[in-house]
Amino acid sequence: MSGDDHVLFRGRIISLTQQEVALPNGVHTELEIVHHPGGAAIVAIDERQRVCLLRQYRYAVGEWLWELPAGKLDPHEPPAETARRELAEEAGCTARTWRELGYMISSPGVFTERVWCYLATDLEPVPTAHEAEEVIEVHWVDFDEAVAMAMDGRISDAKSVIGLCRARAVLAG
């Protein structure tokens, strides 16, 4: 946020500002921007070529969604560290091998959120640490089936669709 932002709302995770901006074409306008710290999502693939998918209840959309393990960046936390923390907390594993898959922007017209995607392999089990407000089921799904779920709409969460597709491209070599 810049010094010219008018804060309309400040919550625990997000803030909403109203900003007077000059666009690259010279047009001046007023925008409402939702500021979010960003996050990390993990495509964790085990030795049997299964990927960890979470079936998670999301109150905001009133549905159970299939998602990759993911979470919000803590203040001053690099995305790769968030990925390591969230993989352990949500999926109950750590990884010896990590590969960055780039980031995605969920809704660039209004949100500042960037979600970095990672491919994690060479997994080892650890205890999960789900938060009380997380309603999560952990599933290990054949990787090809998970990609099919992303392509046919059974997975509708954007970060998960993008992460699975990027991982497939990397693994296809």
N, C-alpha and C. Protein backbone atom coordinates (compact mmCIF):
# COMPACT_ATOMS: atom_id res chain seq x y z
N MET A 1 0.85 -1.18 0.00
CA MET A 1 0.00 0.00 0.00
C MET A 1 0.89 1.23 0.00
N SER A 2 0.44 2.27 -0.67
CA SER A 2 1.19 3.53 -0.71
C SER A 2 0.59 4.51 0.27
N GLY A 3 1.25 5.63 0.44
CA GLY A 3 0.77 6.65 1.37
C GLY A 3 -0.52 7.31 0.92
N ASP A 4 -0.90 7.17 -0.37
CA ASP A 4 -2.11 7.79 -0.90
C ASP A 4 -3.34 6.89 -0.79
N ASP A 5 -3.18 5.72 -0.17
CA ASP A 5 -4.29 4.79 -0.04
C ASP A 5 -5.24 5.25 1.05
N HIS A 6 -6.52 5.12 0.79
CA HIS A 6 -7.54 5.37 1.79
C HIS A 6 -8.02 3.99 2.26
N VAL A 7 -7.70 3.63 3.52
CA VAL A 7 -8.04 2.32 4.04
C VAL A 7 -9.53 2.29 4.37
N LEU A 8 -10.26 1.39 3.70
CA LEU A 8 -11.68 1.21 3.94
C LEU A 8 -11.94 0.14 4.99
N PHE A 9 -11.03 -0.84 5.05
CA PHE A 9 -11.18 -1.95 5.99
C PHE A 9 -9.81 -2.55 6.24
N ARG A 10 -9.56 -2.93 7.49
CA ARG A 10 -8.34 -3.66 7.84
C ARG A 10 -8.74 -4.83 8.74
N GLY A 11 -8.50 -6.05 8.27
CA GLY A 11 -8.84 -7.24 9.03
C GLY A 11 -7.59 -7.98 9.47
N ARG A 12 -7.78 -9.22 9.95
CA ARG A 12 -6.65 -10.04 10.39
C ARG A 12 -5.75 -10.43 9.23
N ILE A 13 -6.34 -10.66 8.06
CA ILE A 13 -5.56 -11.15 6.92
C ILE A 13 -5.52 -10.14 5.78
N ILE A 14 -6.64 -9.55 5.45
CA ILE A 14 -6.71 -8.65 4.30
C ILE A 14 -6.98 -7.22 4.73
N SER A 15 -6.72 -6.31 3.80
CA SER A 15 -7.17 -4.93 3.95
C SER A 15 -7.73 -4.50 2.60
N LEU A 16 -8.63 -3.54 2.65
CA LEU A 16 -9.26 -3.00 1.44
C LEU A 16 -8.95 -1.52 1.40
N THR A 17 -8.37 -1.08 0.28
CA THR A 17 -8.07 0.33 0.12
C THR A 17 -8.73 0.89 -1.12
N GLN A 18 -8.92 2.19 -1.10
CA GLN A 18 -9.39 2.93 -2.27
C GLN A 18 -8.21 3.80 -2.70
N GLN A 19 -7.87 3.74 -3.99
CA GLN A 19 -6.68 4.42 -4.48
C GLN A 19 -6.97 5.23 -5.72
N GLU A 20 -6.42 6.42 -5.77
CA GLU A 20 -6.40 7.23 -6.99
C GLU A 20 -5.14 6.82 -7.75
N VAL A 21 -5.30 6.33 -8.99
CA VAL A 21 -4.16 5.82 -9.74
C VAL A 21 -4.11 6.42 -11.13
N ALA A 22 -2.89 6.46 -11.68
CA ALA A 22 -2.67 6.84 -13.07
C ALA A 22 -2.26 5.57 -13.81
N LEU A 23 -3.02 5.19 -14.83
CA LEU A 23 -2.74 3.99 -15.60
C LEU A 23 -1.69 4.28 -16.67
N PRO A 24 -1.04 3.25 -17.22
CA PRO A 24 -0.01 3.47 -18.24
C PRO A 24 -0.49 4.24 -19.47
N ASN A 25 -1.81 4.23 -19.74
CA ASN A 25 -2.33 4.97 -20.90
C ASN A 25 -2.66 6.43 -20.56
N GLY A 26 -2.34 6.86 -19.34
CA GLY A 26 -2.57 8.23 -18.93
C GLY A 26 -3.92 8.48 -18.26
N VAL A 27 -4.79 7.49 -18.25
CA VAL A 27 -6.10 7.65 -17.62
C VAL A 27 -5.94 7.62 -16.10
N HIS A 28 -6.61 8.53 -15.43
CA HIS A 28 -6.64 8.56 -13.96
C HIS A 28 -7.98 7.99 -13.51
N THR A 29 -7.92 7.12 -12.52
CA THR A 29 -9.15 6.48 -12.04
C THR A 29 -9.02 6.15 -10.56
N GLU A 30 -10.11 5.74 -9.98
CA GLU A 30 -10.14 5.31 -8.59
C GLU A 30 -10.39 3.82 -8.56
N LEU A 31 -9.56 3.10 -7.81
CA LEU A 31 -9.68 1.65 -7.72
C LEU A 31 -9.83 1.22 -6.27
N GLU A 32 -10.55 0.13 -6.06
CA GLU A 32 -10.59 -0.54 -4.77
C GLU A 32 -9.72 -1.78 -4.88
N ILE A 33 -8.76 -1.91 -3.96
CA ILE A 33 -7.79 -3.00 -4.01
C ILE A 33 -7.83 -3.79 -2.70
N VAL A 34 -7.93 -5.11 -2.82
CA VAL A 34 -7.86 -6.00 -1.66
C VAL A 34 -6.41 -6.46 -1.53
N HIS A 35 -5.78 -6.12 -0.41
CA HIS A 35 -4.39 -6.48 -0.16
C HIS A 35 -4.34 -7.77 0.65
N HIS A 36 -3.58 -8.73 0.15
CA HIS A 36 -3.43 -10.04 0.79
C HIS A 36 -1.95 -10.38 0.81
N PRO A 37 -1.43 -11.01 1.88
CA PRO A 37 0.00 -11.27 1.96
C PRO A 37 0.52 -12.31 0.97
N GLY A 38 -0.36 -13.07 0.34
CA GLY A 38 0.07 -14.09 -0.60
C GLY A 38 0.16 -15.45 0.07
N GLY A 39 0.52 -16.45 -0.73
CA GLY A 39 0.56 -17.80 -0.19
C GLY A 39 1.44 -18.72 -1.01
N ALA A 40 1.41 -19.98 -0.63
CA ALA A 40 2.17 -21.02 -1.33
C ALA A 40 1.30 -22.26 -1.41
N ALA A 41 1.39 -22.97 -2.54
CA ALA A 41 0.66 -24.21 -2.76
C ALA A 41 1.66 -25.28 -3.19
N ILE A 42 1.40 -26.52 -2.79
CA ILE A 42 2.36 -27.59 -2.99
C ILE A 42 1.75 -28.76 -3.73
N VAL A 43 2.40 -29.18 -4.82
CA VAL A 43 2.09 -30.42 -5.52
C VAL A 43 3.05 -31.45 -4.94
N ALA A 44 2.58 -32.23 -3.97
CA ALA A 44 3.41 -33.22 -3.28
C ALA A 44 3.13 -34.59 -3.88
N ILE A 45 4.16 -35.19 -4.48
CA ILE A 45 4.00 -36.47 -5.16
C ILE A 45 4.86 -37.52 -4.47
N ASP A 46 4.22 -38.64 -4.09
CA ASP A 46 4.95 -39.69 -3.38
C ASP A 46 5.58 -40.68 -4.37
N GLU A 47 6.23 -41.71 -3.83
CA GLU A 47 6.96 -42.69 -4.64
C GLU A 47 6.03 -43.54 -5.50
N ARG A 48 4.73 -43.57 -5.18
CA ARG A 48 3.74 -44.33 -5.97
C ARG A 48 3.05 -43.44 -7.01
N GLN A 49 3.57 -42.24 -7.23
CA GLN A 49 3.02 -41.27 -8.19
C GLN A 49 1.61 -40.83 -7.81
N ARG A 50 1.39 -40.70 -6.50
CA ARG A 50 0.14 -40.15 -5.99
C ARG A 50 0.43 -38.73 -5.51
N VAL A 51 -0.56 -37.88 -5.67
CA VAL A 51 -0.44 -36.49 -5.23
C VAL A 51 -1.37 -36.27 -4.04
N CYS A 52 -0.92 -35.42 -3.13
CA CYS A 52 -1.75 -35.10 -1.98
C CYS A 52 -2.79 -34.07 -2.39
N LEU A 53 -4.06 -34.44 -2.21
CA LEU A 53 -5.17 -33.50 -2.41
C LEU A 53 -5.95 -33.42 -1.11
N LEU A 54 -6.36 -32.23 -0.78
CA LEU A 54 -7.18 -32.01 0.39
C LEU A 54 -8.61 -31.81 -0.07
N ARG A 55 -9.52 -32.46 0.60
CA ARG A 55 -10.94 -32.17 0.41
C ARG A 55 -11.29 -31.28 1.58
N GLN A 56 -11.55 -30.01 1.28
CA GLN A 56 -11.68 -28.99 2.32
C GLN A 56 -12.99 -28.23 2.17
N TYR A 57 -13.66 -28.03 3.31
CA TYR A 57 -14.89 -27.24 3.28
C TYR A 57 -14.52 -25.77 3.28
N ARG A 58 -15.07 -25.03 2.31
CA ARG A 58 -14.82 -23.59 2.18
C ARG A 58 -16.13 -22.85 2.37
N TYR A 59 -16.26 -22.23 3.52
CA TYR A 59 -17.49 -21.53 3.88
C TYR A 59 -17.83 -20.42 2.88
N ALA A 60 -16.82 -19.70 2.40
CA ALA A 60 -17.06 -18.56 1.50
C ALA A 60 -17.84 -18.96 0.24
N VAL A 61 -17.63 -20.19 -0.23
CA VAL A 61 -18.35 -20.66 -1.43
C VAL A 61 -19.39 -21.72 -1.09
N GLY A 62 -19.44 -22.13 0.18
CA GLY A 62 -20.43 -23.10 0.62
C GLY A 62 -20.27 -24.47 0.02
N GLU A 63 -19.02 -24.88 -0.22
CA GLU A 63 -18.76 -26.16 -0.87
C GLU A 63 -17.54 -26.85 -0.29
N TRP A 64 -17.50 -28.17 -0.48
CA TRP A 64 -16.29 -28.94 -0.28
C TRP A 64 -15.50 -28.84 -1.57
N LEU A 65 -14.24 -28.46 -1.51
CA LEU A 65 -13.38 -28.32 -2.68
C LEU A 65 -12.19 -29.27 -2.59
N TRP A 66 -11.74 -29.71 -3.75
CA TRP A 66 -10.47 -30.43 -3.84
C TRP A 66 -9.38 -29.38 -4.03
N GLU A 67 -8.35 -29.44 -3.20
CA GLU A 67 -7.27 -28.45 -3.26
C GLU A 67 -5.92 -29.09 -2.97
N LEU A 68 -4.87 -28.44 -3.43
CA LEU A 68 -3.52 -28.80 -3.01
C LEU A 68 -3.31 -28.26 -1.60
N PRO A 69 -2.40 -28.85 -0.84
CA PRO A 69 -2.01 -28.23 0.42
C PRO A 69 -1.48 -26.82 0.13
N ALA A 70 -1.90 -25.86 0.93
CA ALA A 70 -1.51 -24.47 0.68
C ALA A 70 -1.77 -23.64 1.92
N GLY A 71 -1.18 -22.46 1.94
CA GLY A 71 -1.45 -21.56 3.05
C GLY A 71 -0.88 -20.19 2.83
N LYS A 72 -1.24 -19.32 3.75
CA LYS A 72 -0.88 -17.90 3.70
C LYS A 72 0.55 -17.69 4.19
N LEU A 73 1.25 -16.78 3.53
CA LEU A 73 2.58 -16.38 3.98
C LEU A 73 2.47 -15.65 5.31
N ASP A 74 3.30 -16.05 6.27
CA ASP A 74 3.41 -15.29 7.51
C ASP A 74 4.26 -14.05 7.23
N PRO A 75 4.16 -13.01 8.07
CA PRO A 75 4.96 -11.79 7.83
C PRO A 75 6.45 -12.11 7.67
N HIS A 76 7.04 -11.59 6.61
CA HIS A 76 8.47 -11.72 6.30
C HIS A 76 8.89 -13.17 6.03
N GLU A 77 7.94 -14.06 5.76
CA GLU A 77 8.26 -15.46 5.48
C GLU A 77 8.39 -15.66 3.97
N PRO A 78 9.51 -16.19 3.51
CA PRO A 78 9.64 -16.48 2.07
C PRO A 78 8.63 -17.55 1.65
N PRO A 79 8.14 -17.48 0.41
CA PRO A 79 7.16 -18.46 -0.05
C PRO A 79 7.62 -19.92 0.09
N ALA A 80 8.90 -20.19 -0.15
CA ALA A 80 9.39 -21.57 -0.04
C ALA A 80 9.27 -22.07 1.40
N GLU A 81 9.48 -21.20 2.37
CA GLU A 81 9.34 -21.60 3.77
C GLU A 81 7.87 -21.85 4.11
N THR A 82 6.98 -21.02 3.57
CA THR A 82 5.55 -21.25 3.76
C THR A 82 5.17 -22.61 3.19
N ALA A 83 5.69 -22.95 2.02
CA ALA A 83 5.38 -24.23 1.40
C ALA A 83 5.83 -25.39 2.30
N ARG A 84 7.02 -25.30 2.84
CA ARG A 84 7.51 -26.37 3.73
C ARG A 84 6.62 -26.51 4.97
N ARG A 85 6.27 -25.39 5.56
CA ARG A 85 5.43 -25.39 6.77
C ARG A 85 4.06 -25.97 6.47
N GLU A 86 3.43 -25.51 5.40
CA GLU A 86 2.08 -25.95 5.07
C GLU A 86 2.03 -27.42 4.67
N LEU A 87 3.06 -27.90 3.98
CA LEU A 87 3.08 -29.32 3.61
C LEU A 87 3.08 -30.19 4.86
N ALA A 88 3.86 -29.82 5.84
CA ALA A 88 3.89 -30.59 7.09
C ALA A 88 2.57 -30.46 7.84
N GLU A 89 2.07 -29.24 8.00
CA GLU A 89 0.86 -29.01 8.78
C GLU A 89 -0.37 -29.68 8.16
N GLU A 90 -0.54 -29.53 6.85
CA GLU A 90 -1.77 -29.99 6.20
C GLU A 90 -1.68 -31.41 5.66
N ALA A 91 -0.56 -31.77 5.05
CA ALA A 91 -0.45 -33.08 4.40
C ALA A 91 0.25 -34.11 5.28
N GLY A 92 0.95 -33.65 6.31
CA GLY A 92 1.65 -34.58 7.18
C GLY A 92 2.88 -35.19 6.56
N CYS A 93 3.65 -34.35 5.81
CA CYS A 93 4.90 -34.86 5.27
C CYS A 93 5.88 -33.72 5.02
N THR A 94 7.12 -34.11 4.88
CA THR A 94 8.18 -33.20 4.47
C THR A 94 8.73 -33.73 3.16
N ALA A 95 9.49 -32.89 2.46
CA ALA A 95 10.06 -33.29 1.17
C ALA A 95 11.55 -32.98 1.15
N ARG A 96 12.32 -33.87 0.56
CA ARG A 96 13.76 -33.62 0.39
C ARG A 96 14.02 -32.85 -0.90
N THR A 97 13.12 -32.96 -1.89
CA THR A 97 13.35 -32.32 -3.19
C THR A 97 12.22 -31.35 -3.48
N TRP A 98 12.62 -30.11 -3.80
CA TRP A 98 11.65 -29.03 -4.09
C TRP A 98 11.98 -28.40 -5.42
N ARG A 99 10.94 -28.02 -6.14
CA ARG A 99 11.12 -27.29 -7.40
C ARG A 99 10.04 -26.21 -7.48
N GLU A 100 10.46 -24.98 -7.71
CA GLU A 100 9.50 -23.88 -7.82
C GLU A 100 8.82 -23.96 -9.19
N LEU A 101 7.49 -23.75 -9.18
CA LEU A 101 6.70 -23.79 -10.40
C LEU A 101 6.16 -22.42 -10.80
N GLY A 102 6.68 -21.36 -10.19
CA GLY A 102 6.22 -20.01 -10.49
C GLY A 102 5.03 -19.64 -9.62
N TYR A 103 4.50 -18.45 -9.87
CA TYR A 103 3.36 -18.00 -9.07
C TYR A 103 2.16 -17.76 -9.96
N MET A 104 1.00 -17.65 -9.31
CA MET A 104 -0.23 -17.31 -10.01
C MET A 104 -0.88 -16.16 -9.27
N ILE A 105 -1.64 -15.38 -10.01
CA ILE A 105 -2.37 -14.24 -9.44
C ILE A 105 -3.85 -14.57 -9.58
N SER A 106 -4.53 -14.63 -8.44
CA SER A 106 -5.90 -15.14 -8.44
C SER A 106 -6.90 -14.24 -9.15
N SER A 107 -6.87 -12.96 -8.92
CA SER A 107 -7.82 -12.04 -9.54
C SER A 107 -7.18 -10.66 -9.64
N PRO A 108 -6.36 -10.43 -10.68
CA PRO A 108 -5.53 -9.23 -10.74
C PRO A 108 -6.28 -7.91 -10.87
N GLY A 109 -7.57 -7.96 -11.10
CA GLY A 109 -8.34 -6.72 -11.17
C GLY A 109 -8.59 -6.09 -9.81
N VAL A 110 -8.56 -6.93 -8.75
CA VAL A 110 -8.87 -6.40 -7.42
C VAL A 110 -7.96 -6.92 -6.31
N PHE A 111 -7.28 -8.05 -6.49
CA PHE A 111 -6.47 -8.65 -5.42
C PHE A 111 -4.98 -8.52 -5.69
N THR A 112 -4.20 -8.27 -4.63
CA THR A 112 -2.75 -8.26 -4.75
C THR A 112 -2.14 -9.64 -4.50
N GLU A 113 -2.95 -10.61 -4.10
CA GLU A 113 -2.46 -11.94 -3.72
C GLU A 113 -1.72 -12.63 -4.86
N ARG A 114 -0.52 -13.15 -4.54
CA ARG A 114 0.24 -14.04 -5.41
C ARG A 114 0.41 -15.34 -4.66
N VAL A 115 0.18 -16.45 -5.34
CA VAL A 115 0.37 -17.76 -4.73
C VAL A 115 1.48 -18.47 -5.50
N TRP A 116 2.57 -18.77 -4.80
CA TRP A 116 3.70 -19.48 -5.38
C TRP A 116 3.41 -20.97 -5.33
N CYS A 117 3.70 -21.67 -6.43
CA CYS A 117 3.45 -23.10 -6.52
C CYS A 117 4.79 -23.84 -6.50
N TYR A 118 4.80 -24.99 -5.84
CA TYR A 118 6.00 -25.81 -5.70
C TYR A 118 5.68 -27.26 -5.97
N LEU A 119 6.66 -27.97 -6.51
CA LEU A 119 6.61 -29.42 -6.67
C LEU A 119 7.49 -30.01 -5.58
N ALA A 120 6.95 -30.91 -4.78
CA ALA A 120 7.68 -31.54 -3.69
C ALA A 120 7.69 -33.05 -3.90
N THR A 121 8.89 -33.64 -3.84
CA THR A 121 9.02 -35.09 -3.99
C THR A 121 9.99 -35.62 -2.93
N ASP A 122 10.20 -36.91 -2.93
CA ASP A 122 11.02 -37.57 -1.91
C ASP A 122 10.45 -37.25 -0.53
N LEU A 123 9.22 -37.70 -0.33
CA LEU A 123 8.44 -37.33 0.86
C LEU A 123 8.71 -38.27 2.03
N GLU A 124 8.58 -37.70 3.23
CA GLU A 124 8.67 -38.46 4.47
C GLU A 124 7.54 -38.01 5.38
N PRO A 125 6.89 -38.97 6.09
CA PRO A 125 5.75 -38.61 6.94
C PRO A 125 6.15 -37.86 8.21
N VAL A 126 5.30 -36.93 8.63
CA VAL A 126 5.39 -36.22 9.91
C VAL A 126 3.96 -36.02 10.40
N PRO A 127 3.78 -35.71 11.67
CA PRO A 127 2.41 -35.47 12.15
C PRO A 127 1.79 -34.22 11.52
N THR A 128 0.49 -34.30 11.24
CA THR A 128 -0.22 -33.12 10.74
C THR A 128 -0.49 -32.18 11.90
N ALA A 129 -0.83 -30.94 11.57
CA ALA A 129 -1.16 -29.93 12.59
C ALA A 129 -2.26 -29.03 12.05
N HIS A 130 -3.42 -29.62 11.76
CA HIS A 130 -4.53 -28.84 11.23
C HIS A 130 -4.99 -27.83 12.27
N GLU A 131 -5.35 -26.63 11.79
CA GLU A 131 -5.88 -25.60 12.68
C GLU A 131 -7.35 -25.90 12.95
N ALA A 132 -7.85 -25.40 14.09
CA ALA A 132 -9.23 -25.70 14.51
C ALA A 132 -10.26 -25.29 13.46
N GLU A 133 -10.00 -24.19 12.75
CA GLU A 133 -10.98 -23.72 11.77
C GLU A 133 -10.83 -24.37 10.40
N GLU A 134 -9.90 -25.31 10.27
CA GLU A 134 -9.73 -26.03 9.01
C GLU A 134 -10.53 -27.34 9.06
N VAL A 135 -11.40 -27.53 8.09
CA VAL A 135 -12.15 -28.77 7.96
C VAL A 135 -11.57 -29.47 6.73
N ILE A 136 -10.65 -30.41 7.00
CA ILE A 136 -9.81 -30.99 5.95
C ILE A 136 -9.82 -32.51 6.02
N GLU A 137 -9.92 -33.13 4.84
CA GLU A 137 -9.65 -34.56 4.67
C GLU A 137 -8.43 -34.67 3.77
N VAL A 138 -7.45 -35.47 4.16
CA VAL A 138 -6.24 -35.68 3.36
C VAL A 138 -6.42 -36.92 2.50
N HIS A 139 -6.21 -36.77 1.19
CA HIS A 139 -6.33 -37.89 0.25
C HIS A 139 -5.07 -37.96 -0.61
N TRP A 140 -4.66 -39.18 -0.95
CA TRP A 140 -3.56 -39.38 -1.89
C TRP A 140 -4.17 -39.99 -3.16
N VAL A 141 -4.09 -39.23 -4.24
CA VAL A 141 -4.78 -39.55 -5.50
C VAL A 141 -3.73 -39.78 -6.58
N ASP A 142 -3.96 -40.77 -7.44
CA ASP A 142 -3.07 -40.99 -8.58
C ASP A 142 -2.87 -39.67 -9.31
N PHE A 143 -1.61 -39.33 -9.61
CA PHE A 143 -1.31 -38.03 -10.20
C PHE A 143 -2.07 -37.80 -11.51
N ASP A 144 -2.10 -38.79 -12.39
CA ASP A 144 -2.82 -38.62 -13.66
C ASP A 144 -4.31 -38.38 -13.42
N GLU A 145 -4.88 -39.06 -12.42
CA GLU A 145 -6.29 -38.84 -12.10
C GLU A 145 -6.50 -37.42 -11.57
N ALA A 146 -5.59 -36.92 -10.75
CA ALA A 146 -5.71 -35.56 -10.22
C ALA A 146 -5.65 -34.54 -11.36
N VAL A 147 -4.75 -34.76 -12.32
CA VAL A 147 -4.68 -33.85 -13.48
C VAL A 147 -5.99 -33.92 -14.27
N ALA A 148 -6.54 -35.11 -14.43
CA ALA A 148 -7.84 -35.25 -15.12
C ALA A 148 -8.92 -34.49 -14.35
N MET A 149 -8.89 -34.55 -13.01
CA MET A 149 -9.85 -33.82 -12.20
C MET A 149 -9.71 -32.31 -12.41
N ALA A 150 -8.48 -31.84 -12.57
CA ALA A 150 -8.24 -30.41 -12.82
C ALA A 150 -8.77 -30.02 -14.20
N MET A 151 -8.60 -30.89 -15.17
CA MET A 151 -9.00 -30.57 -16.53
C MET A 151 -10.50 -30.67 -16.76
N ASP A 152 -11.18 -31.56 -16.03
CA ASP A 152 -12.62 -31.72 -16.28
C ASP A 152 -13.50 -30.93 -15.31
N GLY A 153 -12.89 -30.18 -14.41
CA GLY A 153 -13.67 -29.32 -13.53
C GLY A 153 -13.98 -29.87 -12.16
N ARG A 154 -13.63 -31.12 -11.88
CA ARG A 154 -13.85 -31.64 -10.53
C ARG A 154 -12.99 -30.89 -9.52
N ILE A 155 -11.84 -30.38 -9.96
CA ILE A 155 -11.04 -29.46 -9.15
C ILE A 155 -11.28 -28.08 -9.75
N SER A 156 -11.89 -27.20 -8.97
CA SER A 156 -12.20 -25.85 -9.47
C SER A 156 -11.35 -24.77 -8.83
N ASP A 157 -10.56 -25.12 -7.83
CA ASP A 157 -9.68 -24.17 -7.16
C ASP A 157 -8.52 -23.81 -8.10
N ALA A 158 -8.38 -22.52 -8.39
CA ALA A 158 -7.42 -22.06 -9.42
C ALA A 158 -5.98 -22.44 -9.11
N LYS A 159 -5.54 -22.23 -7.87
CA LYS A 159 -4.14 -22.54 -7.55
C LYS A 159 -3.84 -24.02 -7.73
N SER A 160 -4.84 -24.86 -7.45
CA SER A 160 -4.66 -26.30 -7.58
C SER A 160 -4.63 -26.72 -9.05
N VAL A 161 -5.51 -26.17 -9.86
CA VAL A 161 -5.50 -26.47 -11.29
C VAL A 161 -4.17 -26.05 -11.90
N ILE A 162 -3.74 -24.85 -11.60
CA ILE A 162 -2.48 -24.34 -12.17
C ILE A 162 -1.30 -25.15 -11.67
N GLY A 163 -1.25 -25.42 -10.37
CA GLY A 163 -0.14 -26.20 -9.81
C GLY A 163 -0.04 -27.58 -10.43
N LEU A 164 -1.17 -28.28 -10.57
CA LEU A 164 -1.16 -29.61 -11.16
C LEU A 164 -0.72 -29.57 -12.63
N CYS A 165 -1.22 -28.61 -13.37
CA CYS A 165 -0.85 -28.51 -14.80
C CYS A 165 0.62 -28.17 -14.97
N ARG A 166 1.14 -27.26 -14.16
CA ARG A 166 2.57 -26.92 -14.25
C ARG A 166 3.43 -28.11 -13.83
N ALA A 167 3.01 -28.82 -12.79
CA ALA A 167 3.78 -30.00 -12.36
C ALA A 167 3.80 -31.05 -13.47
N ARG A 168 2.65 -31.26 -14.12
CA ARG A 168 2.60 -32.24 -15.21
C ARG A 168 3.58 -31.85 -16.32
N ALA A 169 3.62 -30.56 -16.66
CA ALA A 169 4.55 -30.10 -17.71
C ALA A 169 6.01 -30.35 -17.30
N VAL A 170 6.34 -30.08 -16.05
CA VAL A 170 7.71 -30.29 -15.57
C VAL A 170 8.05 -31.77 -15.57
N LEU A 171 7.14 -32.60 -15.10
CA LEU A 171 7.40 -34.04 -15.01
C LEU A 171 7.45 -34.71 -16.39
N ALA A 172 6.75 -34.13 -17.36
CA ALA A 172 6.78 -34.67 -18.72
C ALA A 172 8.12 -34.39 -19.39
N GLY A 173 8.86 -33.44 -18.81
CA GLY A 173 10.21 -33.13 -19.22
C GLY A 173 10.35 -32.39 -20.47
